N, C-alpha and C. Protein backbone atom coordinates (compact mmCIF):
# COMPACT_ATOMS: atom_id res chain seq x y z
N MET A 1 0.86 -1.18 0.00
CA MET A 1 0.00 0.00 0.00
C MET A 1 0.89 1.24 0.00
N SER A 2 0.52 2.24 -0.75
CA SER A 2 1.29 3.47 -0.82
C SER A 2 1.16 4.27 0.47
N LYS A 3 2.08 5.19 0.66
CA LYS A 3 2.03 6.06 1.85
C LYS A 3 0.71 6.81 1.91
N LYS A 4 0.24 7.29 0.76
CA LYS A 4 -1.03 8.01 0.71
C LYS A 4 -2.18 7.08 1.11
N GLY A 5 -2.15 5.86 0.62
CA GLY A 5 -3.19 4.89 0.96
C GLY A 5 -3.19 4.56 2.44
N GLU A 6 -2.00 4.44 3.02
CA GLU A 6 -1.88 4.17 4.45
C GLU A 6 -2.45 5.32 5.26
N PHE A 7 -2.17 6.55 4.82
CA PHE A 7 -2.67 7.72 5.52
C PHE A 7 -4.19 7.79 5.46
N VAL A 8 -4.75 7.54 4.29
CA VAL A 8 -6.21 7.58 4.12
C VAL A 8 -6.85 6.52 5.01
N GLU A 9 -6.25 5.33 5.09
CA GLU A 9 -6.79 4.27 5.94
C GLU A 9 -6.70 4.67 7.42
N TYR A 10 -5.56 5.25 7.81
CA TYR A 10 -5.40 5.71 9.19
C TYR A 10 -6.46 6.74 9.54
N LEU A 11 -6.64 7.72 8.66
CA LEU A 11 -7.60 8.78 8.92
C LEU A 11 -9.02 8.24 8.99
N SER A 12 -9.34 7.30 8.12
CA SER A 12 -10.67 6.67 8.13
C SER A 12 -10.89 5.90 9.43
N ASN A 13 -9.89 5.11 9.84
CA ASN A 13 -9.99 4.37 11.10
C ASN A 13 -10.12 5.31 12.28
N PHE A 14 -9.31 6.37 12.29
CA PHE A 14 -9.36 7.33 13.37
C PHE A 14 -10.75 7.94 13.49
N SER A 15 -11.31 8.41 12.38
CA SER A 15 -12.63 9.05 12.40
C SER A 15 -13.70 8.09 12.90
N LYS A 16 -13.68 6.87 12.37
CA LYS A 16 -14.67 5.85 12.76
C LYS A 16 -14.55 5.54 14.26
N ASN A 17 -13.33 5.31 14.71
CA ASN A 17 -13.12 4.94 16.11
C ASN A 17 -13.42 6.10 17.06
N LEU A 18 -13.10 7.32 16.64
CA LEU A 18 -13.42 8.48 17.47
C LEU A 18 -14.93 8.57 17.68
N LYS A 19 -15.70 8.37 16.62
CA LYS A 19 -17.16 8.39 16.73
C LYS A 19 -17.65 7.33 17.71
N ILE A 20 -17.11 6.12 17.56
CA ILE A 20 -17.53 5.01 18.42
C ILE A 20 -17.19 5.29 19.88
N LEU A 21 -15.96 5.71 20.12
CA LEU A 21 -15.51 5.97 21.50
C LEU A 21 -16.30 7.11 22.14
N MET A 22 -16.55 8.17 21.38
CA MET A 22 -17.34 9.28 21.92
C MET A 22 -18.76 8.81 22.23
N ASN A 23 -19.34 8.02 21.36
CA ASN A 23 -20.69 7.51 21.57
C ASN A 23 -20.75 6.62 22.80
N GLU A 24 -19.79 5.73 22.94
CA GLU A 24 -19.76 4.82 24.10
C GLU A 24 -19.65 5.58 25.42
N ARG A 25 -19.02 6.74 25.37
CA ARG A 25 -18.82 7.54 26.58
C ARG A 25 -19.82 8.69 26.70
N ASN A 26 -20.79 8.69 25.80
CA ASN A 26 -21.84 9.72 25.79
C ASN A 26 -21.26 11.13 25.74
N LEU A 27 -20.25 11.31 24.92
CA LEU A 27 -19.62 12.62 24.77
C LEU A 27 -20.06 13.27 23.47
N LYS A 28 -20.41 14.54 23.56
CA LYS A 28 -20.79 15.33 22.40
C LYS A 28 -19.56 16.07 21.87
N GLN A 29 -19.65 16.51 20.62
CA GLN A 29 -18.54 17.24 20.02
C GLN A 29 -18.13 18.45 20.85
N VAL A 30 -19.10 19.18 21.33
CA VAL A 30 -18.80 20.39 22.09
C VAL A 30 -18.07 20.05 23.40
N GLN A 31 -18.42 18.94 24.02
CA GLN A 31 -17.76 18.53 25.26
C GLN A 31 -16.30 18.16 25.01
N VAL A 32 -16.07 17.44 23.93
CA VAL A 32 -14.71 17.06 23.58
C VAL A 32 -13.89 18.30 23.23
N ALA A 33 -14.50 19.18 22.44
CA ALA A 33 -13.81 20.42 22.05
C ALA A 33 -13.43 21.25 23.27
N GLU A 34 -14.35 21.39 24.21
CA GLU A 34 -14.06 22.17 25.42
C GLU A 34 -12.93 21.53 26.23
N ALA A 35 -12.96 20.21 26.35
CA ALA A 35 -11.93 19.50 27.11
C ALA A 35 -10.56 19.63 26.44
N LEU A 36 -10.56 19.72 25.11
CA LEU A 36 -9.31 19.83 24.37
C LEU A 36 -8.82 21.27 24.22
N GLY A 37 -9.72 22.21 24.41
CA GLY A 37 -9.36 23.61 24.20
C GLY A 37 -9.34 24.00 22.72
N CYS A 38 -10.20 23.36 21.93
CA CYS A 38 -10.33 23.70 20.52
C CYS A 38 -11.80 23.98 20.23
N ASN A 39 -12.13 24.27 18.98
CA ASN A 39 -13.54 24.55 18.69
C ASN A 39 -14.24 23.31 18.15
N LYS A 40 -15.55 23.34 18.21
CA LYS A 40 -16.38 22.21 17.79
C LYS A 40 -16.16 21.87 16.32
N GLY A 41 -15.88 22.87 15.51
CA GLY A 41 -15.64 22.66 14.09
C GLY A 41 -14.44 21.77 13.83
N THR A 42 -13.42 21.91 14.66
CA THR A 42 -12.22 21.08 14.54
C THR A 42 -12.57 19.62 14.81
N VAL A 43 -13.31 19.38 15.88
CA VAL A 43 -13.72 18.01 16.22
C VAL A 43 -14.60 17.45 15.10
N SER A 44 -15.47 18.26 14.55
CA SER A 44 -16.33 17.84 13.45
C SER A 44 -15.50 17.40 12.24
N LYS A 45 -14.46 18.15 11.93
CA LYS A 45 -13.59 17.79 10.80
C LYS A 45 -12.86 16.49 11.06
N TRP A 46 -12.46 16.23 12.30
CA TRP A 46 -11.84 14.94 12.64
C TRP A 46 -12.84 13.81 12.42
N LEU A 47 -14.06 14.02 12.91
CA LEU A 47 -15.09 12.99 12.80
C LEU A 47 -15.47 12.69 11.35
N ASN A 48 -15.36 13.70 10.49
CA ASN A 48 -15.71 13.54 9.08
C ASN A 48 -14.50 13.18 8.21
N GLY A 49 -13.35 13.01 8.84
CA GLY A 49 -12.16 12.61 8.09
C GLY A 49 -11.58 13.70 7.21
N LYS A 50 -11.88 14.95 7.52
CA LYS A 50 -11.38 16.07 6.72
C LYS A 50 -9.95 16.42 7.09
N ILE A 51 -9.65 16.36 8.36
CA ILE A 51 -8.30 16.66 8.85
C ILE A 51 -7.95 15.68 9.96
N GLU A 52 -6.67 15.64 10.29
CA GLU A 52 -6.22 14.79 11.39
C GLU A 52 -5.76 15.68 12.54
N PRO A 53 -5.87 15.20 13.76
CA PRO A 53 -5.39 15.99 14.89
C PRO A 53 -3.88 15.89 15.01
N GLY A 54 -3.28 16.90 15.62
CA GLY A 54 -1.86 16.85 15.92
C GLY A 54 -1.61 15.95 17.12
N LEU A 55 -0.36 15.67 17.38
CA LEU A 55 0.01 14.76 18.47
C LEU A 55 -0.46 15.25 19.83
N VAL A 56 -0.43 16.54 20.06
CA VAL A 56 -0.88 17.07 21.35
C VAL A 56 -2.35 16.74 21.56
N TYR A 57 -3.16 16.93 20.52
CA TYR A 57 -4.58 16.62 20.63
C TYR A 57 -4.82 15.12 20.76
N ILE A 58 -4.03 14.32 20.07
CA ILE A 58 -4.19 12.87 20.20
C ILE A 58 -3.90 12.44 21.63
N ALA A 59 -2.84 12.97 22.22
CA ALA A 59 -2.50 12.63 23.60
C ALA A 59 -3.64 13.03 24.55
N LYS A 60 -4.22 14.19 24.34
CA LYS A 60 -5.34 14.64 25.17
C LYS A 60 -6.58 13.77 24.94
N LEU A 61 -6.82 13.39 23.68
CA LEU A 61 -7.97 12.53 23.38
C LEU A 61 -7.85 11.19 24.09
N LEU A 62 -6.65 10.63 24.14
CA LEU A 62 -6.45 9.35 24.82
C LEU A 62 -6.86 9.44 26.28
N LYS A 63 -6.55 10.57 26.91
CA LYS A 63 -6.94 10.76 28.32
C LYS A 63 -8.45 10.98 28.46
N ILE A 64 -8.99 11.83 27.61
CA ILE A 64 -10.42 12.14 27.68
C ILE A 64 -11.26 10.89 27.43
N LEU A 65 -10.86 10.11 26.43
CA LEU A 65 -11.62 8.92 26.04
C LEU A 65 -11.21 7.68 26.84
N ASP A 66 -10.16 7.81 27.63
CA ASP A 66 -9.64 6.69 28.42
C ASP A 66 -9.45 5.46 27.53
N CYS A 67 -8.63 5.65 26.49
CA CYS A 67 -8.38 4.57 25.54
C CYS A 67 -6.90 4.56 25.16
N THR A 68 -6.51 3.53 24.44
CA THR A 68 -5.14 3.44 23.96
C THR A 68 -5.05 4.02 22.55
N PHE A 69 -3.82 4.28 22.13
CA PHE A 69 -3.60 4.77 20.78
C PHE A 69 -4.11 3.75 19.77
N GLU A 70 -3.87 2.49 20.03
CA GLU A 70 -4.31 1.43 19.12
C GLU A 70 -5.82 1.41 18.98
N GLU A 71 -6.54 1.62 20.09
CA GLU A 71 -8.01 1.65 20.03
C GLU A 71 -8.50 2.81 19.16
N LEU A 72 -7.73 3.87 19.16
CA LEU A 72 -8.13 5.06 18.42
C LEU A 72 -7.86 4.94 16.93
N ILE A 73 -6.83 4.18 16.54
CA ILE A 73 -6.48 4.14 15.11
C ILE A 73 -6.60 2.78 14.44
N SER A 74 -6.83 1.72 15.23
CA SER A 74 -6.87 0.38 14.64
C SER A 74 -8.14 0.14 13.84
N ASP A 75 -8.02 -0.80 12.89
CA ASP A 75 -9.15 -1.17 12.06
C ASP A 75 -10.09 -2.06 12.84
């Protein structure tokens, strides 16, 4: 698989898993955004696979969602 293909798969897995984890924890976009110190639009773009979060946000998401990195990006 090409680097671009790997990235698209990662982003797709991340978006899907973020939705699942937020749903399981009854978290809304605005709640996650407030906890991260970003705006709701940013979280929306992550959920829709438009952009990826930076490492600082990923580290914060792991704490907020109480999950591992693998749970967040695995297929």
